[in-house]
């Protein structure tokens, strides 16, 4: 991952990222205890895979982010043809 910084004076720049981390904490990690760092990492990776590939997002028309991206890419290919 690469850290990002907001533009000066624009508190909304990182809102989507903060929302993602909030969803992870509340939806998956709240109250959990891990014996190892590896177990915690595996849980986060499992949740991010679910979030990107299977979770339906209302702002994307109730499709997953990966499906949205595939649709967008297909539309770009059609435009280029």
PDB file of N, CA and C in Angstrom:
ATOM      1  N   UNK A   1       0.831  -1.171   0.000  1.00  0.00           N
ATOM      2  CA  UNK A   1       0.000   0.000   0.000  1.00  0.00           C
ATOM      3  C   UNK A   1       0.876   1.234   0.000  1.00  0.00           C
ATOM      4  N   UNK A   2       0.296   2.304  -0.514  1.00  0.00           N
ATOM      5  CA  UNK A   2       1.007   3.571  -0.512  1.00  0.00           C
ATOM      6  C   UNK A   2       0.133   4.568   0.223  1.00  0.00           C
ATOM      7  N   UNK A   3       0.709   5.258   1.186  1.00  0.00           N
ATOM      8  CA  UNK A   3      -0.074   6.233   1.938  1.00  0.00           C
ATOM      9  C   UNK A   3      -0.390   7.432   1.057  1.00  0.00           C
ATOM     10  N   UNK A   4      -1.496   8.086   1.382  1.00  0.00           N
ATOM     11  CA  UNK A   4      -1.868   9.275   0.621  1.00  0.00           C
ATOM     12  C   UNK A   4      -2.108  10.429   1.583  1.00  0.00           C
ATOM     13  N   UNK A   5      -1.983  11.595   1.054  1.00  0.00           N
ATOM     14  CA  UNK A   5      -2.220  12.790   1.857  1.00  0.00           C
ATOM     15  C   UNK A   5      -3.312  13.607   1.187  1.00  0.00           C
ATOM     16  N   UNK A   6      -4.165  14.184   1.996  1.00  0.00           N
ATOM     17  CA  UNK A   6      -5.211  15.056   1.481  1.00  0.00           C
ATOM     18  C   UNK A   6      -4.606  16.306   0.872  1.00  0.00           C
ATOM     19  N   UNK A   7      -5.397  16.886  -0.023  1.00  0.00           N
ATOM     20  CA  UNK A   7      -5.020  18.222  -0.478  1.00  0.00           C
ATOM     21  C   UNK A   7      -5.221  19.167   0.698  1.00  0.00           C
ATOM     22  N   UNK A   8      -4.442  20.173   0.774  1.00  0.00           N
ATOM     23  CA  UNK A   8      -4.523  21.119   1.879  1.00  0.00           C
ATOM     24  C   UNK A   8      -5.918  21.714   1.957  1.00  0.00           C
ATOM     25  N   UNK A   9      -6.524  21.602   3.135  1.00  0.00           N
ATOM     26  CA  UNK A   9      -7.826  22.203   3.373  1.00  0.00           C
ATOM     27  C   UNK A   9      -8.999  21.404   2.832  1.00  0.00           C
ATOM     28  N   UNK A  10      -8.784  20.192   2.329  1.00  0.00           N
ATOM     29  CA  UNK A  10      -9.881  19.394   1.795  1.00  0.00           C
ATOM     30  C   UNK A  10     -10.026  18.119   2.615  1.00  0.00           C
ATOM     31  N   UNK A  11     -10.927  18.165   3.583  1.00  0.00           N
ATOM     32  CA  UNK A  11     -11.094  17.031   4.490  1.00  0.00           C
ATOM     33  C   UNK A  11     -11.794  15.853   3.825  1.00  0.00           C
ATOM     34  N   UNK A  12     -12.350  16.028   2.633  1.00  0.00           N
ATOM     35  CA  UNK A  12     -13.116  14.958   1.978  1.00  0.00           C
ATOM     36  C   UNK A  12     -12.240  14.029   1.146  1.00  0.00           C
ATOM     37  N   UNK A  13     -10.983  14.367   0.943  1.00  0.00           N
ATOM     38  CA  UNK A  13     -10.119  13.546   0.092  1.00  0.00           C
ATOM     39  C   UNK A  13     -10.019  12.095   0.555  1.00  0.00           C
ATOM     40  N   UNK A  14      -9.919  11.866   1.834  1.00  0.00           N
ATOM     41  CA  UNK A  14      -9.722  10.510   2.341  1.00  0.00           C
ATOM     42  C   UNK A  14     -11.002   9.873   2.881  1.00  0.00           C
ATOM     43  N   UNK A  15     -12.144  10.484   2.655  1.00  0.00           N
ATOM     44  CA  UNK A  15     -13.401   9.951   3.177  1.00  0.00           C
ATOM     45  C   UNK A  15     -13.691   8.525   2.704  1.00  0.00           C
ATOM     46  N   UNK A  16     -13.507   8.187   1.408  1.00  0.00           N
ATOM     47  CA  UNK A  16     -13.773   6.800   0.994  1.00  0.00           C
ATOM     48  C   UNK A  16     -12.872   5.777   1.696  1.00  0.00           C
ATOM     49  N   UNK A  17     -11.607   6.138   1.883  1.00  0.00           N
ATOM     50  CA  UNK A  17     -10.684   5.232   2.554  1.00  0.00           C
ATOM     51  C   UNK A  17     -11.055   5.072   4.020  1.00  0.00           C
ATOM     52  N   UNK A  18     -11.389   6.170   4.671  1.00  0.00           N
ATOM     53  CA  UNK A  18     -11.797   6.097   6.074  1.00  0.00           C
ATOM     54  C   UNK A  18     -13.067   5.270   6.229  1.00  0.00           C
ATOM     55  N   UNK A  19     -13.981   5.372   5.273  1.00  0.00           N
ATOM     56  CA  UNK A  19     -15.202   4.569   5.299  1.00  0.00           C
ATOM     57  C   UNK A  19     -14.871   3.084   5.173  1.00  0.00           C
ATOM     58  N   UNK A  20     -13.943   2.745   4.289  1.00  0.00           N
ATOM     59  CA  UNK A  20     -13.515   1.358   4.127  1.00  0.00           C
ATOM     60  C   UNK A  20     -12.954   0.807   5.427  1.00  0.00           C
ATOM     61  N   UNK A  21     -12.031   1.534   6.045  1.00  0.00           N
ATOM     62  CA  UNK A  21     -11.429   1.058   7.292  1.00  0.00           C
ATOM     63  C   UNK A  21     -12.473   0.961   8.397  1.00  0.00           C
ATOM     64  N   UNK A  22     -13.409   1.906   8.439  1.00  0.00           N
ATOM     65  CA  UNK A  22     -14.474   1.839   9.437  1.00  0.00           C
ATOM     66  C   UNK A  22     -15.335   0.608   9.250  1.00  0.00           C
ATOM     67  N   UNK A  23     -15.652   0.278   8.000  1.00  0.00           N
ATOM     68  CA  UNK A  23     -16.444  -0.920   7.712  1.00  0.00           C
ATOM     69  C   UNK A  23     -15.695  -2.178   8.139  1.00  0.00           C
ATOM     70  N   UNK A  24     -14.408  -2.214   7.887  1.00  0.00           N
ATOM     71  CA  UNK A  24     -13.597  -3.360   8.293  1.00  0.00           C
ATOM     72  C   UNK A  24     -13.620  -3.525   9.810  1.00  0.00           C
ATOM     73  N   UNK A  25     -13.375  -2.446  10.513  1.00  0.00           N
ATOM     74  CA  UNK A  25     -13.308  -2.520  11.973  1.00  0.00           C
ATOM     75  C   UNK A  25     -14.637  -2.936  12.581  1.00  0.00           C
ATOM     76  N   UNK A  26     -15.710  -2.293  12.167  1.00  0.00           N
ATOM     77  CA  UNK A  26     -17.018  -2.562  12.756  1.00  0.00           C
ATOM     78  C   UNK A  26     -17.604  -3.880  12.248  1.00  0.00           C
ATOM     79  N   UNK A  27     -17.472  -4.115  10.947  1.00  0.00           N
ATOM     80  CA  UNK A  27     -18.106  -5.283  10.353  1.00  0.00           C
ATOM     81  C   UNK A  27     -17.371  -6.591  10.563  1.00  0.00           C
ATOM     82  N   UNK A  28     -16.082  -6.541  10.830  1.00  0.00           N
ATOM     83  CA  UNK A  28     -15.333  -7.790  10.880  1.00  0.00           C
ATOM     84  C   UNK A  28     -14.436  -7.937  12.099  1.00  0.00           C
ATOM     85  N   UNK A  29     -13.836  -6.874  12.570  1.00  0.00           N
ATOM     86  CA  UNK A  29     -12.805  -7.016  13.589  1.00  0.00           C
ATOM     87  C   UNK A  29     -13.233  -6.653  15.002  1.00  0.00           C
ATOM     88  N   UNK A  30     -14.319  -5.930  15.143  1.00  0.00           N
ATOM     89  CA  UNK A  30     -14.731  -5.459  16.473  1.00  0.00           C
ATOM     90  C   UNK A  30     -14.895  -6.631  17.438  1.00  0.00           C
ATOM     91  N   UNK A  31     -14.195  -6.563  18.548  1.00  0.00           N
ATOM     92  CA  UNK A  31     -14.303  -7.579  19.584  1.00  0.00           C
ATOM     93  C   UNK A  31     -13.491  -8.842  19.341  1.00  0.00           C
ATOM     94  N   UNK A  32     -12.807  -8.936  18.227  1.00  0.00           N
ATOM     95  CA  UNK A  32     -12.026 -10.142  17.934  1.00  0.00           C
ATOM     96  C   UNK A  32     -10.642 -10.041  18.560  1.00  0.00           C
ATOM     97  N   UNK A  33     -10.107 -11.185  18.925  1.00  0.00           N
ATOM     98  CA  UNK A  33      -8.743 -11.279  19.443  1.00  0.00           C
ATOM     99  C   UNK A  33      -7.993 -12.296  18.584  1.00  0.00           C
ATOM    100  N   UNK A  34      -6.750 -12.007  18.298  1.00  0.00           N
ATOM    101  CA  UNK A  34      -5.936 -12.880  17.463  1.00  0.00           C
ATOM    102  C   UNK A  34      -4.710 -13.329  18.245  1.00  0.00           C
ATOM    103  N   UNK A  35      -4.378 -14.592  18.085  1.00  0.00           N
ATOM    104  CA  UNK A  35      -3.202 -15.118  18.772  1.00  0.00           C
ATOM    105  C   UNK A  35      -1.920 -14.707  18.075  1.00  0.00           C
ATOM    106  N   UNK A  36      -1.996 -14.536  16.758  1.00  0.00           N
ATOM    107  CA  UNK A  36      -0.799 -14.160  16.010  1.00  0.00           C
ATOM    108  C   UNK A  36      -1.122 -13.017  15.055  1.00  0.00           C
ATOM    109  N   UNK A  37      -0.095 -12.337  14.653  1.00  0.00           N
ATOM    110  CA  UNK A  37      -0.232 -11.273  13.657  1.00  0.00           C
ATOM    111  C   UNK A  37      -0.716 -11.866  12.325  1.00  0.00           C
ATOM    112  N   UNK A  38      -0.251 -13.068  12.015  1.00  0.00           N
ATOM    113  CA  UNK A  38      -0.653 -13.739  10.772  1.00  0.00           C
ATOM    114  C   UNK A  38      -2.162 -13.985  10.743  1.00  0.00           C
ATOM    115  N   UNK A  39      -2.740 -14.393  11.871  1.00  0.00           N
ATOM    116  CA  UNK A  39      -4.189 -14.603  11.936  1.00  0.00           C
ATOM    117  C   UNK A  39      -4.928 -13.295  11.674  1.00  0.00           C
ATOM    118  N   UNK A  40      -4.446 -12.217  12.232  1.00  0.00           N
ATOM    119  CA  UNK A  40      -5.072 -10.906  12.008  1.00  0.00           C
ATOM    120  C   UNK A  40      -4.954 -10.509  10.544  1.00  0.00           C
ATOM    121  N   UNK A  41      -3.792 -10.703   9.954  1.00  0.00           N
ATOM    122  CA  UNK A  41      -3.600 -10.365   8.543  1.00  0.00           C
ATOM    123  C   UNK A  41      -4.504 -11.209   7.652  1.00  0.00           C
ATOM    124  N   UNK A  42      -4.617 -12.497   7.953  1.00  0.00           N
ATOM    125  CA  UNK A  42      -5.487 -13.372   7.165  1.00  0.00           C
ATOM    126  C   UNK A  42      -6.941 -12.920   7.239  1.00  0.00           C
ATOM    127  N   UNK A  43      -7.372 -12.488   8.410  1.00  0.00           N
ATOM    128  CA  UNK A  43      -8.750 -12.018   8.574  1.00  0.00           C
ATOM    129  C   UNK A  43      -8.990 -10.753   7.752  1.00  0.00           C
ATOM    130  N   UNK A  44      -8.052  -9.838   7.775  1.00  0.00           N
ATOM    131  CA  UNK A  44      -8.177  -8.599   6.996  1.00  0.00           C
ATOM    132  C   UNK A  44      -8.191  -8.911   5.497  1.00  0.00           C
ATOM    133  N   UNK A  45      -7.300  -9.782   5.049  1.00  0.00           N
ATOM    134  CA  UNK A  45      -7.261 -10.135   3.631  1.00  0.00           C
ATOM    135  C   UNK A  45      -8.550 -10.818   3.208  1.00  0.00           C
ATOM    136  N   UNK A  46      -9.066 -11.708   4.043  1.00  0.00           N
ATOM    137  CA  UNK A  46     -10.328 -12.389   3.740  1.00  0.00           C
ATOM    138  C   UNK A  46     -11.462 -11.372   3.605  1.00  0.00           C
ATOM    139  N   UNK A  47     -11.511 -10.407   4.517  1.00  0.00           N
ATOM    140  CA  UNK A  47     -12.572  -9.404   4.467  1.00  0.00           C
ATOM    141  C   UNK A  47     -12.430  -8.506   3.240  1.00  0.00           C
ATOM    142  N   UNK A  48     -11.204  -8.088   2.916  1.00  0.00           N
ATOM    143  CA  UNK A  48     -10.998  -7.243   1.738  1.00  0.00           C
ATOM    144  C   UNK A  48     -11.367  -7.978   0.450  1.00  0.00           C
ATOM    145  N   UNK A  49     -11.110  -9.274   0.407  1.00  0.00           N
ATOM    146  CA  UNK A  49     -11.512 -10.072  -0.759  1.00  0.00           C
ATOM    147  C   UNK A  49     -13.029 -10.101  -0.869  1.00  0.00           C
ATOM    148  N   UNK A  50     -13.697 -10.329   0.253  1.00  0.00           N
ATOM    149  CA  UNK A  50     -15.165 -10.296   0.266  1.00  0.00           C
ATOM    150  C   UNK A  50     -15.678  -8.921  -0.173  1.00  0.00           C
ATOM    151  N   UNK A  51     -15.111  -7.875   0.399  1.00  0.00           N
ATOM    152  CA  UNK A  51     -15.564  -6.511   0.133  1.00  0.00           C
ATOM    153  C   UNK A  51     -15.414  -6.151  -1.345  1.00  0.00           C
ATOM    154  N   UNK A  52     -14.335  -6.586  -1.962  1.00  0.00           N
ATOM    155  CA  UNK A  52     -14.072  -6.228  -3.353  1.00  0.00           C
ATOM    156  C   UNK A  52     -14.772  -7.118  -4.368  1.00  0.00           C
ATOM    157  N   UNK A  53     -14.941  -8.386  -4.033  1.00  0.00           N
ATOM    158  CA  UNK A  53     -15.441  -9.339  -5.023  1.00  0.00           C
ATOM    159  C   UNK A  53     -16.907  -9.734  -4.847  1.00  0.00           C
ATOM    160  N   UNK A  54     -17.417  -9.716  -3.617  1.00  0.00           N
ATOM    161  CA  UNK A  54     -18.770 -10.233  -3.402  1.00  0.00           C
ATOM    162  C   UNK A  54     -19.757  -9.226  -2.807  1.00  0.00           C
ATOM    163  N   UNK A  55     -19.287  -8.274  -2.032  1.00  0.00           N
ATOM    164  CA  UNK A  55     -20.204  -7.340  -1.372  1.00  0.00           C
ATOM    165  C   UNK A  55     -20.816  -6.397  -2.410  1.00  0.00           C
ATOM    166  N   UNK A  56     -22.135  -6.281  -2.376  1.00  0.00           N
ATOM    167  CA  UNK A  56     -22.832  -5.388  -3.298  1.00  0.00           C
ATOM    168  C   UNK A  56     -22.844  -3.979  -2.722  1.00  0.00           C
ATOM    169  N   UNK A  57     -22.530  -3.005  -3.546  1.00  0.00           N
ATOM    170  CA  UNK A  57     -22.433  -1.612  -3.110  1.00  0.00           C
ATOM    171  C   UNK A  57     -23.557  -0.799  -3.747  1.00  0.00           C
ATOM    172  N   UNK A  58     -24.335  -0.128  -2.930  1.00  0.00           N
ATOM    173  CA  UNK A  58     -25.471   0.641  -3.450  1.00  0.00           C
ATOM    174  C   UNK A  58     -25.027   1.761  -4.376  1.00  0.00           C
ATOM    175  N   UNK A  59     -23.900   2.390  -4.080  1.00  0.00           N
ATOM    176  CA  UNK A  59     -23.447   3.499  -4.930  1.00  0.00           C
ATOM    177  C   UNK A  59     -22.932   3.022  -6.286  1.00  0.00           C
ATOM    178  N   UNK A  60     -22.719   1.713  -6.425  1.00  0.00           N
ATOM    179  CA  UNK A  60     -22.266   1.153  -7.702  1.00  0.00           C
ATOM    180  C   UNK A  60     -23.405   0.439  -8.429  1.00  0.00           C
ATOM    181  N   UNK A  61     -24.628   0.681  -8.004  1.00  0.00           N
ATOM    182  CA  UNK A  61     -25.767   0.019  -8.647  1.00  0.00           C
ATOM    183  C   UNK A  61     -25.948  -1.414  -8.182  1.00  0.00           C
ATOM    184  N   UNK A  62     -25.577  -1.674  -6.937  1.00  0.00           N
ATOM    185  CA  UNK A  62     -25.718  -3.000  -6.324  1.00  0.00           C
ATOM    186  C   UNK A  62     -24.943  -4.089  -7.066  1.00  0.00           C
ATOM    187  N   UNK A  63     -23.701  -3.756  -7.413  1.00  0.00           N
ATOM    188  CA  UNK A  63     -22.758  -4.743  -7.919  1.00  0.00           C
ATOM    189  C   UNK A  63     -21.475  -4.595  -7.109  1.00  0.00           C
ATOM    190  N   UNK A  64     -20.599  -5.577  -7.210  1.00  0.00           N
ATOM    191  CA  UNK A  64     -19.346  -5.521  -6.462  1.00  0.00           C
ATOM    192  C   UNK A  64     -18.375  -4.540  -7.140  1.00  0.00           C
ATOM    193  N   UNK A  65     -17.392  -4.030  -6.393  1.00  0.00           N
ATOM    194  CA  UNK A  65     -16.399  -3.160  -7.013  1.00  0.00           C
ATOM    195  C   UNK A  65     -15.665  -3.830  -8.172  1.00  0.00           C
ATOM    196  N   UNK A  66     -15.357  -5.111  -8.055  1.00  0.00           N
ATOM    197  CA  UNK A  66     -14.664  -5.801  -9.141  1.00  0.00           C
ATOM    198  C   UNK A  66     -15.546  -5.889 -10.383  1.00  0.00           C
ATOM    199  N   UNK A  67     -16.841  -6.153 -10.197  1.00  0.00           N
ATOM    200  CA  UNK A  67     -17.738  -6.211 -11.342  1.00  0.00           C
ATOM    201  C   UNK A  67     -17.887  -4.829 -11.966  1.00  0.00           C
ATOM    202  N   UNK A  68     -17.960  -3.804 -11.145  1.00  0.00           N
ATOM    203  CA  UNK A  68     -18.046  -2.435 -11.636  1.00  0.00           C
ATOM    204  C   UNK A  68     -16.821  -2.108 -12.497  1.00  0.00           C
ATOM    205  N   UNK A  69     -15.651  -2.498 -12.002  1.00  0.00           N
ATOM    206  CA  UNK A  69     -14.420  -2.228 -12.731  1.00  0.00           C
ATOM    207  C   UNK A  69     -14.375  -3.012 -14.050  1.00  0.00           C
ATOM    208  N   UNK A  70     -14.811  -4.264 -14.029  1.00  0.00           N
ATOM    209  CA  UNK A  70     -14.860  -5.060 -15.262  1.00  0.00           C
ATOM    210  C   UNK A  70     -15.804  -4.418 -16.273  1.00  0.00           C
ATOM    211  N   UNK A  71     -16.968  -3.961 -15.804  1.00  0.00           N
ATOM    212  CA  UNK A  71     -17.927  -3.298 -16.689  1.00  0.00           C
ATOM    213  C   UNK A  71     -17.334  -2.021 -17.280  1.00  0.00           C
ATOM    214  N   UNK A  72     -16.659  -1.254 -16.440  1.00  0.00           N
ATOM    215  CA  UNK A  72     -16.042  -0.004 -16.894  1.00  0.00           C
ATOM    216  C   UNK A  72     -14.975  -0.297 -17.949  1.00  0.00           C
ATOM    217  N   UNK A  73     -14.144  -1.300 -17.697  1.00  0.00           N
ATOM    218  CA  UNK A  73     -13.086  -1.641 -18.634  1.00  0.00           C
ATOM    219  C   UNK A  73     -13.669  -2.103 -19.966  1.00  0.00           C
ATOM    220  N   UNK A  74     -14.714  -2.903 -19.924  1.00  0.00           N
ATOM    221  CA  UNK A  74     -15.365  -3.372 -21.153  1.00  0.00           C
ATOM    222  C   UNK A  74     -15.925  -2.182 -21.942  1.00  0.00           C
ATOM    223  N   UNK A  75     -16.497  -1.209 -21.235  1.00  0.00           N
ATOM    224  CA  UNK A  75     -17.027  -0.016 -21.903  1.00  0.00           C
ATOM    225  C   UNK A  75     -15.899   0.779 -22.562  1.00  0.00           C
ATOM    226  N   UNK A  76     -14.732   0.840 -21.921  1.00  0.00           N
ATOM    227  CA  UNK A  76     -13.597   1.561 -22.502  1.00  0.00           C
ATOM    228  C   UNK A  76     -13.113   0.873 -23.772  1.00  0.00           C
ATOM    229  N   UNK A  77     -13.112  -0.458 -23.751  1.00  0.00           N
ATOM    230  CA  UNK A  77     -12.698  -1.202 -24.937  1.00  0.00           C
ATOM    231  C   UNK A  77     -13.673  -0.959 -26.099  1.00  0.00           C
ATOM    232  N   UNK A  78     -14.962  -0.873 -25.795  1.00  0.00           N
ATOM    233  CA  UNK A  78     -15.953  -0.609 -26.833  1.00  0.00           C
ATOM    234  C   UNK A  78     -15.748   0.780 -27.433  1.00  0.00           C
ATOM    235  N   UNK A  79     -15.451   1.755 -26.572  1.00  0.00           N
ATOM    236  CA  UNK A  79     -15.205   3.124 -27.041  1.00  0.00           C
ATOM    237  C   UNK A  79     -14.005   3.176 -27.967  1.00  0.00           C
ATOM    238  N   UNK A  80     -12.978   2.403 -27.636  1.00  0.00           N
ATOM    239  CA  UNK A  80     -11.733   2.428 -28.403  1.00  0.00           C
ATOM    240  C   UNK A  80     -11.869   1.709 -29.751  1.00  0.00           C
ATOM    241  N   UNK A  81     -12.839   0.825 -29.831  1.00  0.00           N
ATOM    242  CA  UNK A  81     -12.990   0.019 -31.068  1.00  0.00           C
ATOM    243  C   UNK A  81     -13.626   0.782 -32.196  1.00  0.00           C
TER     244      UNK A  81
END
